[in-house]
Amino acid sequence: MSDFLKTKREEIAARLRELEPLVAEYRQLEAAAAALAGLPGAARAPRPVAAATATRTRTTRTARARKPASGGRRGRPRGSGTRALQTLELVKSKPGITIPEIASAMGIKQNYLYRVLPGLEKDGKVRKRDRGWHAAA
């Protein structure tokens, strides 16, 4: 039994030595991808599942460190997107318009508007009365 264990330990040690340069390269590429993800217009590369679980603690700490000091959300302000502005213009031009009518006029699916309109309502730009939406006074 001890010969078997000795052989396996040697195999594992040899394989670890073989993989070490690849792991180092992986970490460099991961750091480069993270740095590029912080640039405007850069798309984030998806991480493999194994890498995501292996580096979860470090990633979580890094993400926490990048939070804005004000505690606000990252990205553009809610309700400032093109669709939100189009929706707001439709609500202003047709008071009492419903979500299906807005979706039809914009040529989009209704489910998106069920997220956009409550955000506009929270910001005080629109209000819901009965089934229709109205511009806030």
N, C-alpha and C. Protein backbone atom coordinates (compact mmCIF):
# COMPACT_ATOMS: atom_id res chain seq x y z
N MET A 1 0.82 -1.20 0.00
CA MET A 1 0.00 0.00 0.00
C MET A 1 0.86 1.26 0.00
N SER A 2 1.99 1.26 0.70
CA SER A 2 2.83 2.45 0.76
C SER A 2 3.45 2.76 -0.59
N ASP A 3 3.76 1.74 -1.42
CA ASP A 3 4.27 1.99 -2.77
C ASP A 3 3.22 2.71 -3.62
N PHE A 4 1.97 2.28 -3.47
CA PHE A 4 0.89 2.91 -4.21
C PHE A 4 0.76 4.38 -3.82
N LEU A 5 0.78 4.67 -2.52
CA LEU A 5 0.65 6.06 -2.06
C LEU A 5 1.83 6.89 -2.52
N LYS A 6 3.03 6.33 -2.45
CA LYS A 6 4.22 7.05 -2.88
C LYS A 6 4.13 7.38 -4.37
N THR A 7 3.67 6.43 -5.17
CA THR A 7 3.52 6.64 -6.61
C THR A 7 2.50 7.74 -6.89
N LYS A 8 1.38 7.68 -6.22
CA LYS A 8 0.34 8.69 -6.43
C LYS A 8 0.81 10.08 -6.00
N ARG A 9 1.50 10.18 -4.89
CA ARG A 9 2.03 11.48 -4.44
C ARG A 9 2.98 12.05 -5.47
N GLU A 10 3.83 11.21 -6.02
CA GLU A 10 4.79 11.66 -7.05
C GLU A 10 4.06 12.11 -8.31
N GLU A 11 3.02 11.36 -8.71
CA GLU A 11 2.23 11.74 -9.89
C GLU A 11 1.55 13.08 -9.68
N ILE A 12 0.99 13.26 -8.50
CA ILE A 12 0.30 14.52 -8.19
C ILE A 12 1.29 15.67 -8.18
N ALA A 13 2.44 15.47 -7.55
CA ALA A 13 3.46 16.52 -7.50
C ALA A 13 3.94 16.89 -8.90
N ALA A 14 4.14 15.89 -9.76
CA ALA A 14 4.59 16.15 -11.13
C ALA A 14 3.53 16.92 -11.90
N ARG A 15 2.28 16.53 -11.72
CA ARG A 15 1.19 17.23 -12.43
C ARG A 15 1.05 18.67 -11.93
N LEU A 16 1.21 18.91 -10.64
CA LEU A 16 1.15 20.27 -10.10
C LEU A 16 2.26 21.13 -10.69
N ARG A 17 3.46 20.57 -10.80
CA ARG A 17 4.57 21.33 -11.41
C ARG A 17 4.26 21.66 -12.87
N GLU A 18 3.62 20.70 -13.55
CA GLU A 18 3.27 20.90 -14.95
C GLU A 18 2.22 22.00 -15.13
N LEU A 19 1.27 22.07 -14.23
CA LEU A 19 0.17 23.03 -14.35
C LEU A 19 0.49 24.41 -13.79
N GLU A 20 1.50 24.53 -12.97
CA GLU A 20 1.79 25.81 -12.30
C GLU A 20 1.95 26.98 -13.27
N PRO A 21 2.69 26.84 -14.38
CA PRO A 21 2.79 27.99 -15.32
C PRO A 21 1.44 28.37 -15.92
N LEU A 22 0.59 27.38 -16.16
CA LEU A 22 -0.72 27.68 -16.73
C LEU A 22 -1.60 28.43 -15.74
N VAL A 23 -1.51 28.07 -14.48
CA VAL A 23 -2.27 28.77 -13.45
C VAL A 23 -1.81 30.22 -13.33
N ALA A 24 -0.50 30.41 -13.40
CA ALA A 24 0.04 31.78 -13.33
C ALA A 24 -0.46 32.60 -14.52
N GLU A 25 -0.44 32.01 -15.71
CA GLU A 25 -0.92 32.71 -16.89
C GLU A 25 -2.41 33.02 -16.76
N TYR A 26 -3.17 32.06 -16.24
CA TYR A 26 -4.60 32.26 -16.03
C TYR A 26 -4.84 33.46 -15.12
N ARG A 27 -4.10 33.53 -14.04
CA ARG A 27 -4.29 34.65 -13.10
C ARG A 27 -3.94 35.99 -13.73
N GLN A 28 -2.90 36.01 -14.56
CA GLN A 28 -2.55 37.24 -15.26
C GLN A 28 -3.66 37.66 -16.21
N LEU A 29 -4.18 36.70 -16.96
CA LEU A 29 -5.26 37.02 -17.90
C LEU A 29 -6.53 37.45 -17.17
N GLU A 30 -6.80 36.81 -16.05
CA GLU A 30 -7.95 37.19 -15.24
C GLU A 30 -7.82 38.63 -14.74
N ALA A 31 -6.62 39.00 -14.29
CA ALA A 31 -6.38 40.37 -13.82
C ALA A 31 -6.52 41.37 -14.96
N ALA A 32 -6.01 41.00 -16.15
CA ALA A 32 -6.11 41.88 -17.32
C ALA A 32 -7.58 42.07 -17.71
N ALA A 33 -8.35 40.97 -17.70
CA ALA A 33 -9.77 41.07 -18.04
C ALA A 33 -10.50 41.94 -17.04
N ALA A 34 -10.18 41.82 -15.75
CA ALA A 34 -10.82 42.64 -14.72
C ALA A 34 -10.47 44.11 -14.92
N ALA A 35 -9.22 44.37 -15.27
CA ALA A 35 -8.81 45.76 -15.50
C ALA A 35 -9.53 46.35 -16.70
N LEU A 36 -9.65 45.55 -17.76
CA LEU A 36 -10.35 46.03 -18.95
C LEU A 36 -11.84 46.20 -18.72
N ALA A 37 -12.41 45.41 -17.84
CA ALA A 37 -13.84 45.51 -17.54
C ALA A 37 -14.17 46.85 -16.91
N GLY A 38 -13.21 47.49 -16.28
CA GLY A 38 -13.44 48.79 -15.67
C GLY A 38 -13.42 49.93 -16.66
N LEU A 39 -12.98 49.69 -17.90
CA LEU A 39 -12.92 50.74 -18.91
C LEU A 39 -14.29 50.94 -19.54
N PRO A 40 -14.62 52.18 -19.94
CA PRO A 40 -15.91 52.43 -20.59
C PRO A 40 -16.02 51.65 -21.90
N GLY A 41 -17.16 51.04 -22.13
CA GLY A 41 -17.41 50.32 -23.37
C GLY A 41 -16.81 48.93 -23.42
N ALA A 42 -16.13 48.50 -22.37
CA ALA A 42 -15.52 47.17 -22.37
C ALA A 42 -16.53 46.14 -21.89
N ALA A 43 -16.63 45.07 -22.63
CA ALA A 43 -17.54 43.99 -22.23
C ALA A 43 -16.79 43.04 -21.30
N ARG A 44 -17.48 42.56 -20.30
CA ARG A 44 -16.87 41.63 -19.37
C ARG A 44 -16.86 40.24 -19.97
N ALA A 45 -15.74 39.58 -19.87
CA ALA A 45 -15.63 38.21 -20.35
C ALA A 45 -16.22 37.28 -19.31
N PRO A 46 -17.02 36.31 -19.74
CA PRO A 46 -17.58 35.38 -18.77
C PRO A 46 -16.48 34.52 -18.17
N ARG A 47 -16.62 34.25 -16.88
CA ARG A 47 -15.62 33.42 -16.20
C ARG A 47 -16.09 31.99 -16.15
N PRO A 48 -15.18 31.05 -16.31
CA PRO A 48 -15.57 29.65 -16.19
C PRO A 48 -16.09 29.36 -14.79
N VAL A 49 -16.97 28.38 -14.66
CA VAL A 49 -17.58 28.06 -13.37
C VAL A 49 -16.53 27.69 -12.35
N ALA A 50 -15.56 26.87 -12.72
CA ALA A 50 -14.53 26.45 -11.77
C ALA A 50 -13.74 27.64 -11.26
N ALA A 51 -13.41 28.57 -12.13
CA ALA A 51 -12.65 29.75 -11.71
C ALA A 51 -13.49 30.64 -10.82
N ALA A 52 -14.78 30.75 -11.11
CA ALA A 52 -15.65 31.60 -10.32
C ALA A 52 -15.74 31.10 -8.89
N THR A 53 -15.81 29.79 -8.70
CA THR A 53 -15.92 29.27 -7.34
C THR A 53 -14.57 29.29 -6.64
N ALA A 54 -13.49 29.12 -7.39
CA ALA A 54 -12.17 29.09 -6.77
C ALA A 54 -11.74 30.46 -6.28
N THR A 55 -12.18 31.53 -6.93
CA THR A 55 -11.73 32.87 -6.56
C THR A 55 -12.85 33.71 -6.00
N ARG A 56 -13.89 33.09 -5.49
CA ARG A 56 -15.06 33.83 -5.03
C ARG A 56 -14.72 34.85 -3.95
N THR A 57 -13.90 34.49 -2.97
CA THR A 57 -13.60 35.39 -1.87
C THR A 57 -12.88 36.63 -2.37
N ARG A 58 -11.87 36.43 -3.21
CA ARG A 58 -11.12 37.57 -3.73
C ARG A 58 -12.01 38.45 -4.58
N THR A 59 -12.83 37.86 -5.44
CA THR A 59 -13.72 38.63 -6.31
C THR A 59 -14.71 39.44 -5.48
N THR A 60 -15.26 38.84 -4.44
CA THR A 60 -16.24 39.54 -3.61
C THR A 60 -15.60 40.74 -2.94
N ARG A 61 -14.39 40.56 -2.41
CA ARG A 61 -13.71 41.68 -1.78
C ARG A 61 -13.43 42.78 -2.79
N THR A 62 -13.00 42.40 -3.99
CA THR A 62 -12.72 43.39 -5.03
C THR A 62 -13.98 44.14 -5.41
N ALA A 63 -15.08 43.43 -5.57
CA ALA A 63 -16.33 44.07 -5.94
C ALA A 63 -16.79 45.04 -4.85
N ARG A 64 -16.62 44.65 -3.59
CA ARG A 64 -17.01 45.54 -2.51
C ARG A 64 -16.15 46.80 -2.50
N ALA A 65 -14.89 46.65 -2.82
CA ALA A 65 -13.98 47.79 -2.81
C ALA A 65 -14.34 48.79 -3.91
N ARG A 66 -14.98 48.32 -4.98
CA ARG A 66 -15.30 49.20 -6.10
C ARG A 66 -16.63 49.91 -5.93
N LYS A 67 -17.38 49.62 -4.88
CA LYS A 67 -18.67 50.29 -4.68
C LYS A 67 -18.47 51.79 -4.52
N PRO A 68 -19.35 52.59 -5.07
CA PRO A 68 -19.23 54.03 -4.88
C PRO A 68 -19.32 54.40 -3.40
N ALA A 69 -18.58 55.41 -3.01
CA ALA A 69 -18.55 55.83 -1.61
C ALA A 69 -19.93 56.29 -1.13
N SER A 70 -20.73 56.79 -2.07
CA SER A 70 -22.06 57.29 -1.70
C SER A 70 -23.03 56.16 -1.41
N GLY A 71 -22.67 54.92 -1.75
CA GLY A 71 -23.57 53.80 -1.53
C GLY A 71 -24.62 53.68 -2.62
N GLY A 72 -24.56 54.52 -3.64
CA GLY A 72 -25.53 54.49 -4.73
C GLY A 72 -25.27 53.35 -5.68
N ARG A 73 -26.15 53.22 -6.64
CA ARG A 73 -25.97 52.15 -7.61
C ARG A 73 -25.02 52.58 -8.71
N ARG A 74 -24.38 51.59 -9.33
CA ARG A 74 -23.44 51.87 -10.40
C ARG A 74 -24.19 52.00 -11.72
N GLY A 75 -23.55 52.58 -12.70
CA GLY A 75 -24.15 52.69 -14.03
C GLY A 75 -24.95 53.98 -14.18
N ARG A 76 -25.70 54.01 -15.26
CA ARG A 76 -26.48 55.22 -15.53
C ARG A 76 -27.67 55.30 -14.59
N PRO A 77 -28.16 56.49 -14.36
CA PRO A 77 -29.31 56.65 -13.46
C PRO A 77 -30.55 55.95 -14.01
N ARG A 78 -31.35 55.40 -13.13
CA ARG A 78 -32.57 54.72 -13.52
C ARG A 78 -33.49 55.70 -14.24
N GLY A 79 -34.10 55.22 -15.31
CA GLY A 79 -35.05 56.04 -16.05
C GLY A 79 -34.41 56.97 -17.05
N SER A 80 -33.09 56.86 -17.25
CA SER A 80 -32.43 57.77 -18.19
C SER A 80 -32.11 57.09 -19.51
N GLY A 81 -32.54 55.84 -19.68
CA GLY A 81 -32.29 55.11 -20.92
C GLY A 81 -33.22 55.58 -22.03
N THR A 82 -32.90 55.16 -23.24
CA THR A 82 -33.69 55.57 -24.40
C THR A 82 -35.13 55.10 -24.30
N ARG A 83 -35.33 53.85 -23.90
CA ARG A 83 -36.69 53.31 -23.80
C ARG A 83 -37.49 54.03 -22.72
N ALA A 84 -36.85 54.34 -21.61
CA ALA A 84 -37.55 55.06 -20.54
C ALA A 84 -37.98 56.44 -21.03
N LEU A 85 -37.11 57.11 -21.76
CA LEU A 85 -37.45 58.43 -22.29
C LEU A 85 -38.57 58.33 -23.32
N GLN A 86 -38.52 57.31 -24.18
CA GLN A 86 -39.60 57.11 -25.16
C GLN A 86 -40.93 56.85 -24.45
N THR A 87 -40.86 56.02 -23.41
CA THR A 87 -42.07 55.71 -22.64
C THR A 87 -42.64 56.97 -22.02
N LEU A 88 -41.78 57.77 -21.43
CA LEU A 88 -42.22 59.01 -20.79
C LEU A 88 -42.89 59.93 -21.80
N GLU A 89 -42.32 60.04 -23.00
CA GLU A 89 -42.92 60.89 -24.03
C GLU A 89 -44.29 60.37 -24.45
N LEU A 90 -44.43 59.05 -24.58
CA LEU A 90 -45.74 58.49 -24.94
C LEU A 90 -46.77 58.75 -23.85
N VAL A 91 -46.37 58.60 -22.59
CA VAL A 91 -47.30 58.83 -21.48
C VAL A 91 -47.72 60.30 -21.46
N LYS A 92 -46.79 61.20 -21.74
CA LYS A 92 -47.12 62.64 -21.77
C LYS A 92 -48.06 62.95 -22.93
N SER A 93 -47.84 62.32 -24.08
CA SER A 93 -48.67 62.64 -25.25
C SER A 93 -50.03 61.97 -25.21
N LYS A 94 -50.14 60.84 -24.50
CA LYS A 94 -51.43 60.12 -24.42
C LYS A 94 -51.71 59.74 -22.97
N PRO A 95 -52.22 60.67 -22.17
CA PRO A 95 -52.52 60.36 -20.77
C PRO A 95 -53.50 59.20 -20.67
N GLY A 96 -53.24 58.28 -19.72
CA GLY A 96 -54.11 57.14 -19.53
C GLY A 96 -53.72 55.94 -20.39
N ILE A 97 -52.61 56.05 -21.10
CA ILE A 97 -52.17 54.96 -21.97
C ILE A 97 -51.80 53.74 -21.13
N THR A 98 -52.08 52.56 -21.65
CA THR A 98 -51.80 51.32 -20.93
C THR A 98 -50.49 50.71 -21.41
N ILE A 99 -49.99 49.77 -20.64
CA ILE A 99 -48.73 49.12 -21.01
C ILE A 99 -48.84 48.40 -22.36
N PRO A 100 -49.91 47.65 -22.63
CA PRO A 100 -50.00 47.03 -23.96
C PRO A 100 -49.99 48.06 -25.10
N GLU A 101 -50.63 49.21 -24.88
CA GLU A 101 -50.64 50.25 -25.91
C GLU A 101 -49.24 50.86 -26.10
N ILE A 102 -48.53 51.06 -25.00
CA ILE A 102 -47.17 51.60 -25.08
C ILE A 102 -46.27 50.61 -25.82
N ALA A 103 -46.38 49.33 -25.45
CA ALA A 103 -45.54 48.30 -26.08
C ALA A 103 -45.80 48.23 -27.57
N SER A 104 -47.07 48.31 -27.95
CA SER A 104 -47.43 48.27 -29.37
C SER A 104 -46.87 49.48 -30.11
N ALA A 105 -46.99 50.65 -29.51
CA ALA A 105 -46.50 51.88 -30.15
C ALA A 105 -44.98 51.87 -30.29
N MET A 106 -44.28 51.26 -29.31
CA MET A 106 -42.83 51.23 -29.34
C MET A 106 -42.27 50.02 -30.08
N GLY A 107 -43.14 49.04 -30.34
CA GLY A 107 -42.70 47.84 -31.03
C GLY A 107 -41.84 46.94 -30.15
N ILE A 108 -42.13 46.91 -28.85
CA ILE A 108 -41.37 46.07 -27.93
C ILE A 108 -42.35 45.19 -27.14
N LYS A 109 -41.79 44.27 -26.35
CA LYS A 109 -42.63 43.41 -25.53
C LYS A 109 -43.04 44.13 -24.25
N GLN A 110 -44.18 43.75 -23.72
CA GLN A 110 -44.73 44.41 -22.54
C GLN A 110 -43.88 44.21 -21.29
N ASN A 111 -43.23 43.03 -21.16
CA ASN A 111 -42.54 42.71 -19.91
C ASN A 111 -41.47 43.74 -19.57
N TYR A 112 -40.84 44.35 -20.58
CA TYR A 112 -39.83 45.37 -20.32
C TYR A 112 -40.47 46.58 -19.65
N LEU A 113 -41.66 46.93 -20.07
CA LEU A 113 -42.33 48.12 -19.52
C LEU A 113 -42.79 47.92 -18.08
N TYR A 114 -43.02 46.67 -17.68
CA TYR A 114 -43.39 46.40 -16.30
C TYR A 114 -42.21 46.65 -15.35
N ARG A 115 -41.02 46.79 -15.90
CA ARG A 115 -39.86 47.16 -15.09
C ARG A 115 -39.58 48.67 -15.20
N VAL A 116 -39.79 49.23 -16.38
CA VAL A 116 -39.47 50.64 -16.62
C VAL A 116 -40.47 51.57 -15.94
N LEU A 117 -41.75 51.32 -16.10
CA LEU A 117 -42.75 52.25 -15.57
C LEU A 117 -42.75 52.39 -14.06
N PRO A 118 -42.63 51.30 -13.29
CA PRO A 118 -42.53 51.49 -11.83
C PRO A 118 -41.29 52.30 -11.43
N GLY A 119 -40.21 52.19 -12.20
CA GLY A 119 -39.03 53.01 -11.93
C GLY A 119 -39.30 54.47 -12.18
N LEU A 120 -40.00 54.75 -13.27
CA LEU A 120 -40.37 56.15 -13.57
C LEU A 120 -41.35 56.68 -12.52
N GLU A 121 -42.22 55.79 -12.04
CA GLU A 121 -43.17 56.20 -10.99
C GLU A 121 -42.42 56.51 -9.70
N LYS A 122 -41.45 55.69 -9.37
CA LYS A 122 -40.66 55.91 -8.16
C LYS A 122 -39.90 57.23 -8.23
N ASP A 123 -39.45 57.58 -9.44
CA ASP A 123 -38.74 58.85 -9.63
C ASP A 123 -39.68 60.04 -9.71
N GLY A 124 -41.00 59.79 -9.67
CA GLY A 124 -41.97 60.88 -9.67
C GLY A 124 -42.26 61.45 -11.04
N LYS A 125 -41.92 60.71 -12.10
CA LYS A 125 -42.14 61.21 -13.46
C LYS A 125 -43.50 60.82 -14.00
N VAL A 126 -44.02 59.67 -13.56
CA VAL A 126 -45.34 59.21 -14.00
C VAL A 126 -46.09 58.68 -12.79
N ARG A 127 -47.41 58.51 -12.96
CA ARG A 127 -48.19 57.87 -11.90
C ARG A 127 -49.25 57.00 -12.57
N LYS A 128 -49.62 55.94 -11.88
CA LYS A 128 -50.61 55.02 -12.41
C LYS A 128 -51.96 55.32 -11.78
N ARG A 129 -52.96 55.43 -12.65
CA ARG A 129 -54.32 55.63 -12.18
C ARG A 129 -55.20 54.64 -12.93
N ASP A 130 -55.90 53.80 -12.20
CA ASP A 130 -56.68 52.71 -12.77
C ASP A 130 -55.73 51.81 -13.58
N ARG A 131 -56.00 51.62 -14.87
CA ARG A 131 -55.12 50.78 -15.69
C ARG A 131 -54.13 51.61 -16.48
N GLY A 132 -54.33 52.92 -16.52
CA GLY A 132 -53.52 53.77 -17.37
C GLY A 132 -52.43 54.51 -16.63
N TRP A 133 -51.49 55.01 -17.40
CA TRP A 133 -50.35 55.78 -16.86
C TRP A 133 -50.49 57.23 -17.28
N HIS A 134 -50.14 58.13 -16.34
CA HIS A 134 -50.27 59.57 -16.58
C HIS A 134 -48.96 60.23 -16.19
N ALA A 135 -48.63 61.33 -16.86
CA ALA A 135 -47.45 62.10 -16.49
C ALA A 135 -47.71 62.77 -15.14
N ALA A 136 -46.68 62.81 -14.33
CA ALA A 136 -46.84 63.45 -13.01
C ALA A 136 -47.02 64.95 -13.21
N ALA A 137 -47.85 65.52 -12.35
CA ALA A 137 -48.17 66.96 -12.48
C ALA A 137 -47.01 67.83 -12.08
